[in-house]
Amino acid sequence: MSRAIEHAKEVLANEAEAIRGLIPLLGPTFEAAIDAIMACKGTIVVSGVGKSGLIGQKFSATLASTGTPSIFLHPSEAMHGDLGRVRKGDIAFLLSQSGESEEMIRLINPLKRIGVSTVAMTGSHGSSLARNCDLVLDTGRAPESCPLGLAPTTSTAAQLALGDAIAMTVLTLRGFAREDFARFHPGGQLGRQLMRVHEIMRSGDRHTVVPVGTLAKDVIARMNATPGRPGAACVVDPSGILAGFFTDGDTSRHLQQGVAWLEQPIDRVMTRTPTTIGPDLLVSEAMSILGDRRFDQIPVINDDRRPVGLLDIQDVVAAKVL
């Protein structure tokens, strides 16, 4: 084994051990911090400087992306106006492994004057930060993996893991679901997988709807005049309930037999019992229906069987749900 691999394994083992060392440190104070977050009507403010600040930014981002409003407050900028981002009733998590970072110590009293509860995340219970905060979460005191014992390594790994433990515990207690996660990540793959039909279907003036009795040639003209040229039309009875469906594919098939049908009511050539889907169906499930039946379009109806939209396979492709 090379010296490089041997040293890398040692670093990883040290950091893994530092994280494992957090498990016996969890207790009433951790529960109190979770209870405070759950009861908080304001924002979870996270602050730190240096490497702890970078970890704090990730902690705050994880909270926000999983349903807990959170901001990162840089301690230096806070003293020059950014305290205006904070409100009475907020909770501030202050990260400092030593608990003696000057910027963090200076931040405590201004936060308290505003009415913000403070939680120290530190490896030193006897530090100035720990003594002056309302709650203290222990991040452990494992030695750094840096050969010089200086660069934050095991300490930041422990901070990161403890932040994740807090965020995931809160997520679980809130009953935060995949659909909730997707709502905060609309640009991600999961967000696309959990997209509903009503989010991408063609509706309003982009959806061709005609009454029974309309001549076939007029239905085709309406389809071609509809913005986006959907290539399909829903046919409704006098009460607005779906009576049939007609597509460009139907046009091609019937033209092989002549053109006389163009002067006849669409009722003669439409599909009378089309496959339909609801607007709240997952797009991924709708795509399976389109694929299994080799459809390019499918009508979307509500609980009263009234057409509310049209899903086209091209819209699914454009949404990158495939």
C-alpha atoms as a PDB file:
ATOM      1  CA  MET A   1       0.000   0.000   0.000  1.00  0.00           C
ATOM      2  CA  SER A   2       1.374   3.418  -0.965  1.00  0.00           C
ATOM      3  CA  ARG A   3       1.940   6.084   1.663  1.00  0.00           C
ATOM      4  CA  ALA A   4      -0.693   8.268  -0.034  1.00  0.00           C
ATOM      5  CA  ILE A   5      -3.395   5.590   0.232  1.00  0.00           C
ATOM      6  CA  GLU A   6      -2.376   4.741   3.771  1.00  0.00           C
ATOM      7  CA  HIS A   7      -2.606   8.351   4.896  1.00  0.00           C
ATOM      8  CA  ALA A   8      -5.931   8.922   3.108  1.00  0.00           C
ATOM      9  CA  LYS A   9      -7.412   5.867   4.835  1.00  0.00           C
ATOM     10  CA  GLU A  10      -6.205   7.178   8.177  1.00  0.00           C
ATOM     11  CA  VAL A  11      -7.894  10.542   7.580  1.00  0.00           C
ATOM     12  CA  LEU A  12     -11.167   8.869   6.632  1.00  0.00           C
ATOM     13  CA  ALA A  13     -11.008   6.549   9.619  1.00  0.00           C
ATOM     14  CA  ASN A  14     -10.382   9.489  11.956  1.00  0.00           C
ATOM     15  CA  GLU A  15     -13.298  11.451  10.573  1.00  0.00           C
ATOM     16  CA  ALA A  16     -15.598   8.438  10.684  1.00  0.00           C
ATOM     17  CA  GLU A  17     -14.634   7.898  14.308  1.00  0.00           C
ATOM     18  CA  ALA A  18     -15.303  11.557  15.097  1.00  0.00           C
ATOM     19  CA  ILE A  19     -18.802  11.203  13.686  1.00  0.00           C
ATOM     20  CA  ARG A  20     -19.421   7.963  15.571  1.00  0.00           C
ATOM     21  CA  GLY A  21     -18.263   9.765  18.694  1.00  0.00           C
ATOM     22  CA  LEU A  22     -21.233  12.127  18.414  1.00  0.00           C
ATOM     23  CA  ILE A  23     -23.757   9.352  19.048  1.00  0.00           C
ATOM     24  CA  PRO A  24     -23.241   9.057  22.831  1.00  0.00           C
ATOM     25  CA  LEU A  25     -23.234  12.871  23.096  1.00  0.00           C
ATOM     26  CA  LEU A  26     -26.857  13.141  21.961  1.00  0.00           C
ATOM     27  CA  GLY A  27     -29.233  13.690  24.860  1.00  0.00           C
ATOM     28  CA  PRO A  28     -31.674  16.135  26.445  1.00  0.00           C
ATOM     29  CA  THR A  29     -29.956  19.194  24.972  1.00  0.00           C
ATOM     30  CA  PHE A  30     -30.288  17.803  21.463  1.00  0.00           C
ATOM     31  CA  GLU A  31     -33.976  17.101  22.099  1.00  0.00           C
ATOM     32  CA  ALA A  32     -34.415  20.625  23.442  1.00  0.00           C
ATOM     33  CA  ALA A  33     -32.852  22.047  20.262  1.00  0.00           C
ATOM     34  CA  ILE A  34     -35.165  19.957  18.085  1.00  0.00           C
ATOM     35  CA  ASP A  35     -38.200  21.004  20.136  1.00  0.00           C
ATOM     36  CA  ALA A  36     -37.174  24.650  19.747  1.00  0.00           C
ATOM     37  CA  ILE A  37     -36.926  24.322  15.969  1.00  0.00           C
ATOM     38  CA  MET A  38     -40.283  22.582  15.756  1.00  0.00           C
ATOM     39  CA  ALA A  39     -41.930  25.336  17.817  1.00  0.00           C
ATOM     40  CA  CYS A  40     -40.170  28.210  16.045  1.00  0.00           C
ATOM     41  CA  LYS A  41     -42.487  30.472  14.046  1.00  0.00           C
ATOM     42  CA  GLY A  42     -39.583  32.441  12.631  1.00  0.00           C
ATOM     43  CA  THR A  43     -36.313  31.598  10.951  1.00  0.00           C
ATOM     44  CA  ILE A  44     -33.416  29.351  11.892  1.00  0.00           C
ATOM     45  CA  VAL A  45     -30.336  31.561  11.665  1.00  0.00           C
ATOM     46  CA  VAL A  46     -26.992  29.814  11.254  1.00  0.00           C
ATOM     47  CA  SER A  47     -23.670  31.573  11.720  1.00  0.00           C
ATOM     48  CA  GLY A  48     -20.007  30.673  11.737  1.00  0.00           C
ATOM     49  CA  VAL A  49     -16.684  31.984  10.517  1.00  0.00           C
ATOM     50  CA  GLY A  50     -13.953  30.313   8.489  1.00  0.00           C
ATOM     51  CA  LYS A  51     -14.449  26.596   7.890  1.00  0.00           C
ATOM     52  CA  SER A  52     -17.225  26.511  10.474  1.00  0.00           C
ATOM     53  CA  GLY A  53     -18.950  29.201   8.440  1.00  0.00           C
ATOM     54  CA  LEU A  54     -18.792  27.045   5.327  1.00  0.00           C
ATOM     55  CA  ILE A  55     -20.286  24.137   7.256  1.00  0.00           C
ATOM     56  CA  GLY A  56     -22.919  26.522   8.623  1.00  0.00           C
ATOM     57  CA  GLN A  57     -23.913  27.532   5.102  1.00  0.00           C
ATOM     58  CA  LYS A  58     -24.489  23.901   4.208  1.00  0.00           C
ATOM     59  CA  PHE A  59     -26.461  23.298   7.421  1.00  0.00           C
ATOM     60  CA  SER A  60     -28.684  26.289   6.690  1.00  0.00           C
ATOM     61  CA  ALA A  61     -29.193  25.230   3.064  1.00  0.00           C
ATOM     62  CA  THR A  62     -30.179  21.717   4.138  1.00  0.00           C
ATOM     63  CA  LEU A  63     -32.739  23.076   6.593  1.00  0.00           C
ATOM     64  CA  ALA A  64     -34.232  25.395   3.985  1.00  0.00           C
ATOM     65  CA  SER A  65     -34.438  22.698   1.321  1.00  0.00           C
ATOM     66  CA  THR A  66     -36.265  20.354   3.678  1.00  0.00           C
ATOM     67  CA  GLY A  67     -38.992  22.696   4.825  1.00  0.00           C
ATOM     68  CA  THR A  68     -37.438  24.708   7.666  1.00  0.00           C
ATOM     69  CA  PRO A  69     -36.942  28.417   6.835  1.00  0.00           C
ATOM     70  CA  SER A  70     -33.291  29.255   7.402  1.00  0.00           C
ATOM     71  CA  ILE A  71     -30.657  31.853   6.507  1.00  0.00           C
ATOM     72  CA  PHE A  72     -26.911  32.003   6.943  1.00  0.00           C
ATOM     73  CA  LEU A  73     -25.709  35.116   8.781  1.00  0.00           C
ATOM     74  CA  HIS A  74     -22.047  36.027   8.414  1.00  0.00           C
ATOM     75  CA  PRO A  75     -20.905  37.258  11.854  1.00  0.00           C
ATOM     76  CA  SER A  76     -18.875  40.171  10.515  1.00  0.00           C
ATOM     77  CA  GLU A  77     -21.601  41.371   8.145  1.00  0.00           C
ATOM     78  CA  ALA A  78     -24.108  40.975  10.969  1.00  0.00           C
ATOM     79  CA  MET A  79     -22.301  43.691  12.929  1.00  0.00           C
ATOM     80  CA  HIS A  80     -22.610  46.036   9.958  1.00  0.00           C
ATOM     81  CA  GLY A  81     -26.323  45.856   9.245  1.00  0.00           C
ATOM     82  CA  ASP A  82     -27.189  42.260   8.465  1.00  0.00           C
ATOM     83  CA  LEU A  83     -28.683  41.853  11.937  1.00  0.00           C
ATOM     84  CA  GLY A  84     -31.677  43.472  10.275  1.00  0.00           C
ATOM     85  CA  ARG A  85     -32.360  40.073   8.716  1.00  0.00           C
ATOM     86  CA  VAL A  86     -33.085  38.657  12.180  1.00  0.00           C
ATOM     87  CA  ARG A  87     -36.333  38.925  14.134  1.00  0.00           C
ATOM     88  CA  LYS A  88     -37.537  38.279  17.656  1.00  0.00           C
ATOM     89  CA  GLY A  89     -38.449  34.616  18.015  1.00  0.00           C
ATOM     90  CA  ASP A  90     -35.783  33.362  15.606  1.00  0.00           C
ATOM     91  CA  ILE A  91     -33.260  30.745  16.722  1.00  0.00           C
ATOM     92  CA  ALA A  92     -29.543  31.168  16.031  1.00  0.00           C
ATOM     93  CA  PHE A  93     -27.140  28.222  15.752  1.00  0.00           C
ATOM     94  CA  LEU A  94     -23.606  29.514  16.307  1.00  0.00           C
ATOM     95  CA  LEU A  95     -20.805  27.253  15.093  1.00  0.00           C
ATOM     96  CA  SER A  96     -17.283  27.382  16.520  1.00  0.00           C
ATOM     97  CA  GLN A  97     -15.242  24.330  17.415  1.00  0.00           C
ATOM     98  CA  SER A  98     -13.097  26.210  19.932  1.00  0.00           C
ATOM     99  CA  GLY A  99     -15.983  28.327  21.132  1.00  0.00           C
ATOM    100  CA  GLU A 100     -13.614  31.298  21.339  1.00  0.00           C
ATOM    101  CA  SER A 101     -13.915  32.852  17.868  1.00  0.00           C
ATOM    102  CA  GLU A 102     -14.068  36.576  18.543  1.00  0.00           C
ATOM    103  CA  GLU A 103     -16.566  37.220  15.762  1.00  0.00           C
ATOM    104  CA  MET A 104     -18.961  34.650  17.226  1.00  0.00           C
ATOM    105  CA  ILE A 105     -18.656  35.882  20.803  1.00  0.00           C
ATOM    106  CA  ARG A 106     -19.456  39.459  19.725  1.00  0.00           C
ATOM    107  CA  LEU A 107     -22.602  38.244  17.997  1.00  0.00           C
ATOM    108  CA  ILE A 108     -24.286  36.696  21.064  1.00  0.00           C
ATOM    109  CA  ASN A 109     -25.453  39.797  22.944  1.00  0.00           C
ATOM    110  CA  PRO A 110     -26.820  41.641  19.873  1.00  0.00           C
ATOM    111  CA  LEU A 111     -28.839  38.539  19.018  1.00  0.00           C
ATOM    112  CA  LYS A 112     -30.190  38.262  22.543  1.00  0.00           C
ATOM    113  CA  ARG A 113     -31.164  41.937  22.583  1.00  0.00           C
ATOM    114  CA  ILE A 114     -33.299  41.280  19.514  1.00  0.00           C
ATOM    115  CA  GLY A 115     -34.955  38.336  21.262  1.00  0.00           C
ATOM    116  CA  VAL A 116     -33.222  35.502  19.453  1.00  0.00           C
ATOM    117  CA  SER A 117     -32.557  32.190  21.224  1.00  0.00           C
ATOM    118  CA  THR A 118     -28.989  30.978  20.800  1.00  0.00           C
ATOM    119  CA  VAL A 119     -27.604  27.474  20.380  1.00  0.00           C
ATOM    120  CA  ALA A 120     -23.854  26.881  20.470  1.00  0.00           C
ATOM    121  CA  MET A 121     -22.420  24.076  18.335  1.00  0.00           C
ATOM    122  CA  THR A 122     -18.945  23.680  19.810  1.00  0.00           C
ATOM    123  CA  GLY A 123     -16.412  21.160  20.970  1.00  0.00           C
ATOM    124  CA  SER A 124     -15.733  23.050  24.205  1.00  0.00           C
ATOM    125  CA  HIS A 125     -18.401  23.201  26.928  1.00  0.00           C
ATOM    126  CA  GLY A 126     -16.251  25.550  28.963  1.00  0.00           C
ATOM    127  CA  SER A 127     -15.801  28.068  26.150  1.00  0.00           C
ATOM    128  CA  SER A 128     -17.118  31.614  26.094  1.00  0.00           C
ATOM    129  CA  LEU A 129     -19.599  30.646  23.367  1.00  0.00           C
ATOM    130  CA  ALA A 130     -20.970  27.723  25.371  1.00  0.00           C
ATOM    131  CA  ARG A 131     -21.267  29.710  28.616  1.00  0.00           C
ATOM    132  CA  ASN A 132     -23.241  32.499  26.999  1.00  0.00           C
ATOM    133  CA  CYS A 133     -25.647  30.597  24.727  1.00  0.00           C
ATOM    134  CA  ASP A 134     -29.023  29.223  25.779  1.00  0.00           C
ATOM    135  CA  LEU A 135     -28.261  25.675  24.629  1.00  0.00           C
ATOM    136  CA  VAL A 136     -25.041  23.846  23.829  1.00  0.00           C
ATOM    137  CA  LEU A 137     -24.661  21.016  21.320  1.00  0.00           C
ATOM    138  CA  ASP A 138     -21.392  19.120  21.723  1.00  0.00           C
ATOM    139  CA  THR A 139     -19.515  18.473  18.453  1.00  0.00           C
ATOM    140  CA  GLY A 140     -16.835  16.387  20.169  1.00  0.00           C
ATOM    141  CA  ARG A 141     -13.153  16.863  20.671  1.00  0.00           C
ATOM    142  CA  ALA A 142     -11.534  14.335  18.333  1.00  0.00           C
ATOM    143  CA  PRO A 143      -8.041  15.404  17.196  1.00  0.00           C
ATOM    144  CA  GLU A 144      -7.785  16.913  13.731  1.00  0.00           C
ATOM    145  CA  SER A 145      -6.553  14.638  10.934  1.00  0.00           C
ATOM    146  CA  CYS A 146      -4.171  17.362   9.785  1.00  0.00           C
ATOM    147  CA  PRO A 147      -0.586  16.178  10.482  1.00  0.00           C
ATOM    148  CA  LEU A 148       0.039  19.622  11.976  1.00  0.00           C
ATOM    149  CA  GLY A 149      -3.092  19.373  14.091  1.00  0.00           C
ATOM    150  CA  LEU A 150      -4.247  22.712  12.687  1.00  0.00           C
ATOM    151  CA  ALA A 151      -6.457  22.435   9.599  1.00  0.00           C
ATOM    152  CA  PRO A 152     -10.106  21.770  10.533  1.00  0.00           C
ATOM    153  CA  THR A 153     -10.890  18.232   9.358  1.00  0.00           C
ATOM    154  CA  THR A 154     -12.431  15.909  11.934  1.00  0.00           C
ATOM    155  CA  SER A 155     -14.067  18.879  13.655  1.00  0.00           C
ATOM    156  CA  THR A 156     -15.808  20.086  10.499  1.00  0.00           C
ATOM    157  CA  ALA A 157     -16.832  16.527   9.614  1.00  0.00           C
ATOM    158  CA  ALA A 158     -18.496  16.291  13.030  1.00  0.00           C
ATOM    159  CA  GLN A 159     -20.188  19.693  12.601  1.00  0.00           C
ATOM    160  CA  LEU A 160     -21.484  18.670   9.198  1.00  0.00           C
ATOM    161  CA  ALA A 161     -22.845  15.366  10.486  1.00  0.00           C
ATOM    162  CA  LEU A 162     -24.505  16.957  13.512  1.00  0.00           C
ATOM    163  CA  GLY A 163     -26.148  19.551  11.277  1.00  0.00           C
ATOM    164  CA  ASP A 164     -27.455  16.765   9.062  1.00  0.00           C
ATOM    165  CA  ALA A 165     -28.746  14.902  12.125  1.00  0.00           C
ATOM    166  CA  ILE A 166     -30.676  17.992  13.197  1.00  0.00           C
ATOM    167  CA  ALA A 167     -32.118  18.659   9.740  1.00  0.00           C
ATOM    168  CA  MET A 168     -33.122  15.053   9.093  1.00  0.00           C
ATOM    169  CA  THR A 169     -34.679  14.679  12.540  1.00  0.00           C
ATOM    170  CA  VAL A 170     -36.778  17.790  11.963  1.00  0.00           C
ATOM    171  CA  LEU A 171     -37.691  16.594   8.453  1.00  0.00           C
ATOM    172  CA  THR A 172     -38.945  13.301   9.900  1.00  0.00           C
ATOM    173  CA  LEU A 173     -40.927  14.926  12.696  1.00  0.00           C
ATOM    174  CA  ARG A 174     -42.562  17.333  10.241  1.00  0.00           C
ATOM    175  CA  GLY A 175     -43.651  14.446   8.040  1.00  0.00           C
ATOM    176  CA  PHE A 176     -41.827  16.057   5.117  1.00  0.00           C
ATOM    177  CA  ALA A 177     -42.537  13.883   2.054  1.00  0.00           C
ATOM    178  CA  ARG A 178     -41.013  13.341  -1.379  1.00  0.00           C
ATOM    179  CA  GLU A 179     -43.640  15.637  -2.867  1.00  0.00           C
ATOM    180  CA  ASP A 180     -42.638  18.401  -0.435  1.00  0.00           C
ATOM    181  CA  PHE A 181     -38.984  17.923  -1.344  1.00  0.00           C
ATOM    182  CA  ALA A 182     -39.847  18.135  -5.029  1.00  0.00           C
ATOM    183  CA  ARG A 183     -41.676  21.434  -4.454  1.00  0.00           C
ATOM    184  CA  PHE A 184     -38.431  22.988  -3.199  1.00  0.00           C
ATOM    185  CA  HIS A 185     -36.343  21.331  -5.944  1.00  0.00           C
ATOM    186  CA  PRO A 186     -38.332  21.928  -9.147  1.00  0.00           C
ATOM    187  CA  GLY A 187     -35.176  22.006 -11.233  1.00  0.00           C
ATOM    188  CA  GLY A 188     -33.845  18.695  -9.940  1.00  0.00           C
ATOM    189  CA  GLN A 189     -34.422  15.189 -11.221  1.00  0.00           C
ATOM    190  CA  LEU A 190     -36.624  14.279  -8.258  1.00  0.00           C
ATOM    191  CA  GLY A 191     -38.737  17.366  -8.820  1.00  0.00           C
ATOM    192  CA  ARG A 192     -39.298  16.334 -12.416  1.00  0.00           C
ATOM    193  CA  GLN A 193     -40.121  12.749 -11.425  1.00  0.00           C
ATOM    194  CA  LEU A 194     -42.810  13.993  -9.027  1.00  0.00           C
ATOM    195  CA  MET A 195     -44.302  16.505 -11.460  1.00  0.00           C
ATOM    196  CA  ARG A 196     -48.077  16.276 -11.910  1.00  0.00           C
ATOM    197  CA  VAL A 197     -49.904  16.250 -15.230  1.00  0.00           C
ATOM    198  CA  HIS A 198     -51.628  19.598 -14.573  1.00  0.00           C
ATOM    199  CA  GLU A 199     -48.202  21.269 -14.398  1.00  0.00           C
ATOM    200  CA  ILE A 200     -47.359  20.588 -18.049  1.00  0.00           C
ATOM    201  CA  MET A 201     -50.635  19.740 -19.800  1.00  0.00           C
ATOM    202  CA  ARG A 202     -52.019  21.976 -22.522  1.00  0.00           C
ATOM    203  CA  SER A 203     -55.052  23.830 -21.234  1.00  0.00           C
ATOM    204  CA  GLY A 204     -57.082  26.956 -21.946  1.00  0.00           C
ATOM    205  CA  ASP A 205     -56.641  28.259 -25.482  1.00  0.00           C
ATOM    206  CA  ARG A 206     -53.898  25.660 -26.097  1.00  0.00           C
ATOM    207  CA  HIS A 207     -56.436  22.865 -25.757  1.00  0.00           C
ATOM    208  CA  THR A 208     -58.916  22.190 -28.605  1.00  0.00           C
ATOM    209  CA  VAL A 209     -62.441  21.388 -27.413  1.00  0.00           C
ATOM    210  CA  VAL A 210     -65.350  21.077 -29.849  1.00  0.00           C
ATOM    211  CA  PRO A 211     -69.044  20.117 -29.436  1.00  0.00           C
ATOM    212  CA  VAL A 212     -70.507  16.933 -30.892  1.00  0.00           C
ATOM    213  CA  GLY A 213     -71.943  17.513 -34.331  1.00  0.00           C
ATOM    214  CA  THR A 214     -69.056  19.719 -35.483  1.00  0.00           C
ATOM    215  CA  LEU A 215     -68.029  18.821 -39.041  1.00  0.00           C
ATOM    216  CA  ALA A 216     -64.796  16.848 -39.197  1.00  0.00           C
ATOM    217  CA  LYS A 217     -63.171  19.400 -41.529  1.00  0.00           C
ATOM    218  CA  ASP A 218     -63.943  22.175 -39.010  1.00  0.00           C
ATOM    219  CA  VAL A 219     -62.453  20.154 -36.154  1.00  0.00           C
ATOM    220  CA  ILE A 220     -59.217  19.743 -38.119  1.00  0.00           C
ATOM    221  CA  ALA A 221     -59.197  23.481 -38.854  1.00  0.00           C
ATOM    222  CA  ARG A 222     -59.673  24.226 -35.145  1.00  0.00           C
ATOM    223  CA  MET A 223     -56.855  21.857 -34.206  1.00  0.00           C
ATOM    224  CA  ASN A 224     -54.500  23.569 -36.659  1.00  0.00           C
ATOM    225  CA  ALA A 225     -55.518  27.016 -35.426  1.00  0.00           C
ATOM    226  CA  THR A 226     -54.951  26.173 -31.765  1.00  0.00           C
ATOM    227  CA  PRO A 227     -51.685  27.662 -30.400  1.00  0.00           C
ATOM    228  CA  GLY A 228     -48.981  25.014 -30.401  1.00  0.00           C
ATOM    229  CA  ARG A 229     -51.000  22.843 -32.795  1.00  0.00           C
ATOM    230  CA  PRO A 230     -51.759  20.069 -30.282  1.00  0.00           C
ATOM    231  CA  GLY A 231     -52.775  17.593 -32.981  1.00  0.00           C
ATOM    232  CA  ALA A 232     -55.846  16.424 -31.082  1.00  0.00           C
ATOM    233  CA  ALA A 233     -59.294  17.592 -30.037  1.00  0.00           C
ATOM    234  CA  CYS A 234     -61.651  16.668 -27.221  1.00  0.00           C
ATOM    235  CA  VAL A 235     -65.275  16.331 -28.280  1.00  0.00           C
ATOM    236  CA  VAL A 236     -67.893  17.154 -25.649  1.00  0.00           C
ATOM    237  CA  ASP A 237     -71.638  16.578 -25.353  1.00  0.00           C
ATOM    238  CA  PRO A 238     -74.071  19.453 -24.637  1.00  0.00           C
ATOM    239  CA  SER A 239     -73.332  19.218 -20.888  1.00  0.00           C
ATOM    240  CA  GLY A 240     -69.576  19.540 -21.451  1.00  0.00           C
ATOM    241  CA  ILE A 241     -68.745  15.901 -20.677  1.00  0.00           C
ATOM    242  CA  LEU A 242     -66.142  14.169 -22.823  1.00  0.00           C
ATOM    243  CA  ALA A 243     -67.878  12.279 -25.614  1.00  0.00           C
ATOM    244  CA  GLY A 244     -64.901  11.438 -27.798  1.00  0.00           C
ATOM    245  CA  PHE A 245     -61.345  12.178 -28.937  1.00  0.00           C
ATOM    246  CA  PHE A 246     -59.912  12.875 -32.377  1.00  0.00           C
ATOM    247  CA  THR A 247     -56.235  13.116 -33.378  1.00  0.00           C
ATOM    248  CA  ASP A 248     -53.992  13.812 -36.363  1.00  0.00           C
ATOM    249  CA  GLY A 249     -53.437  10.057 -36.506  1.00  0.00           C
ATOM    250  CA  ASP A 250     -57.157   9.559 -37.006  1.00  0.00           C
ATOM    251  CA  THR A 251     -57.022  12.097 -39.853  1.00  0.00           C
ATOM    252  CA  SER A 252     -54.281  10.162 -41.641  1.00  0.00           C
ATOM    253  CA  ARG A 253     -56.065   6.824 -41.254  1.00  0.00           C
ATOM    254  CA  HIS A 254     -59.405   8.080 -42.526  1.00  0.00           C
ATOM    255  CA  LEU A 255     -57.874   9.959 -45.479  1.00  0.00           C
ATOM    256  CA  GLN A 256     -56.687   6.605 -46.810  1.00  0.00           C
ATOM    257  CA  GLN A 257     -60.360   5.801 -47.401  1.00  0.00           C
ATOM    258  CA  GLY A 258     -61.258   9.069 -49.112  1.00  0.00           C
ATOM    259  CA  VAL A 259     -62.400  12.570 -48.132  1.00  0.00           C
ATOM    260  CA  ALA A 260     -66.177  12.285 -47.917  1.00  0.00           C
ATOM    261  CA  TRP A 261     -66.003  11.912 -44.122  1.00  0.00           C
ATOM    262  CA  LEU A 262     -64.634  15.463 -43.844  1.00  0.00           C
ATOM    263  CA  GLU A 263     -68.148  16.778 -44.528  1.00  0.00           C
ATOM    264  CA  GLN A 264     -69.641  14.563 -41.826  1.00  0.00           C
ATOM    265  CA  PRO A 265     -70.006  15.219 -38.080  1.00  0.00           C
ATOM    266  CA  ILE A 266     -66.929  14.380 -36.059  1.00  0.00           C
ATOM    267  CA  ASP A 267     -69.103  11.888 -34.113  1.00  0.00           C
ATOM    268  CA  ARG A 268     -68.787   9.456 -37.040  1.00  0.00           C
ATOM    269  CA  VAL A 269     -64.996   9.163 -36.872  1.00  0.00           C
ATOM    270  CA  MET A 270     -63.954  10.097 -33.334  1.00  0.00           C
ATOM    271  CA  THR A 271     -62.871   7.568 -30.695  1.00  0.00           C
ATOM    272  CA  ARG A 272     -65.900   7.307 -28.445  1.00  0.00           C
ATOM    273  CA  THR A 273     -64.324   5.747 -25.344  1.00  0.00           C
ATOM    274  CA  PRO A 274     -60.825   7.216 -25.255  1.00  0.00           C
ATOM    275  CA  THR A 275     -58.279   6.430 -22.569  1.00  0.00           C
ATOM    276  CA  THR A 276     -58.100   9.371 -20.179  1.00  0.00           C
ATOM    277  CA  ILE A 277     -56.028  10.525 -17.215  1.00  0.00           C
ATOM    278  CA  GLY A 278     -56.579  12.926 -14.319  1.00  0.00           C
ATOM    279  CA  PRO A 279     -54.726  16.210 -13.786  1.00  0.00           C
ATOM    280  CA  ASP A 280     -53.133  15.043 -10.502  1.00  0.00           C
ATOM    281  CA  LEU A 281     -51.571  11.913 -11.991  1.00  0.00           C
ATOM    282  CA  LEU A 282     -47.772  11.834 -11.902  1.00  0.00           C
ATOM    283  CA  VAL A 283     -46.320  12.699 -15.302  1.00  0.00           C
ATOM    284  CA  SER A 284     -44.087   9.623 -15.039  1.00  0.00           C
ATOM    285  CA  GLU A 285     -47.202   7.436 -14.673  1.00  0.00           C
ATOM    286  CA  ALA A 286     -48.922   9.199 -17.557  1.00  0.00           C
ATOM    287  CA  MET A 287     -45.828   8.576 -19.664  1.00  0.00           C
ATOM    288  CA  SER A 288     -46.135   4.859 -18.957  1.00  0.00           C
ATOM    289  CA  ILE A 289     -49.727   4.929 -20.249  1.00  0.00           C
ATOM    290  CA  LEU A 290     -48.673   6.800 -23.387  1.00  0.00           C
ATOM    291  CA  GLY A 291     -45.838   4.354 -23.970  1.00  0.00           C
ATOM    292  CA  ASP A 292     -47.850   1.188 -23.331  1.00  0.00           C
ATOM    293  CA  ARG A 293     -50.658   2.267 -25.674  1.00  0.00           C
ATOM    294  CA  ARG A 294     -48.357   4.002 -28.161  1.00  0.00           C
ATOM    295  CA  PHE A 295     -50.293   7.273 -27.895  1.00  0.00           C
ATOM    296  CA  ASP A 296     -48.884  10.693 -28.715  1.00  0.00           C
ATOM    297  CA  GLN A 297     -51.674  12.547 -26.880  1.00  0.00           C
ATOM    298  CA  ILE A 298     -54.160  11.750 -24.169  1.00  0.00           C
ATOM    299  CA  PRO A 299     -57.109  13.793 -22.849  1.00  0.00           C
ATOM    300  CA  VAL A 300     -57.038  15.005 -19.245  1.00  0.00           C
ATOM    301  CA  ILE A 301     -60.417  15.059 -17.487  1.00  0.00           C
ATOM    302  CA  ASN A 302     -61.649  16.085 -14.042  1.00  0.00           C
ATOM    303  CA  ASP A 303     -63.824  14.066 -11.673  1.00  0.00           C
ATOM    304  CA  ASP A 304     -66.931  15.112 -13.625  1.00  0.00           C
ATOM    305  CA  ARG A 305     -65.400  13.735 -16.845  1.00  0.00           C
ATOM    306  CA  ARG A 306     -65.074  17.207 -18.303  1.00  0.00           C
ATOM    307  CA  PRO A 307     -61.894  17.755 -20.337  1.00  0.00           C
ATOM    308  CA  VAL A 308     -59.498  20.174 -18.648  1.00  0.00           C
ATOM    309  CA  GLY A 309     -56.435  19.655 -20.777  1.00  0.00           C
ATOM    310  CA  LEU A 310     -54.374  17.563 -23.130  1.00  0.00           C
ATOM    311  CA  LEU A 311     -51.065  15.844 -22.429  1.00  0.00           C
ATOM    312  CA  ASP A 312     -48.777  15.547 -25.429  1.00  0.00           C
ATOM    313  CA  ILE A 313     -45.704  13.339 -25.408  1.00  0.00           C
ATOM    314  CA  GLN A 314     -43.656  16.292 -26.659  1.00  0.00           C
ATOM    315  CA  ASP A 315     -44.537  18.179 -23.474  1.00  0.00           C
ATOM    316  CA  VAL A 316     -43.233  15.280 -21.413  1.00  0.00           C
ATOM    317  CA  VAL A 317     -39.993  15.284 -23.410  1.00  0.00           C
ATOM    318  CA  ALA A 318     -39.637  19.063 -22.980  1.00  0.00           C
ATOM    319  CA  ALA A 319     -40.126  18.715 -19.203  1.00  0.00           C
ATOM    320  CA  LYS A 320     -37.252  16.171 -19.179  1.00  0.00           C
ATOM    321  CA  VAL A 321     -39.283  13.673 -17.168  1.00  0.00           C
ATOM    322  CA  LEU A 322     -38.094  10.820 -19.395  1.00  0.00           C
END
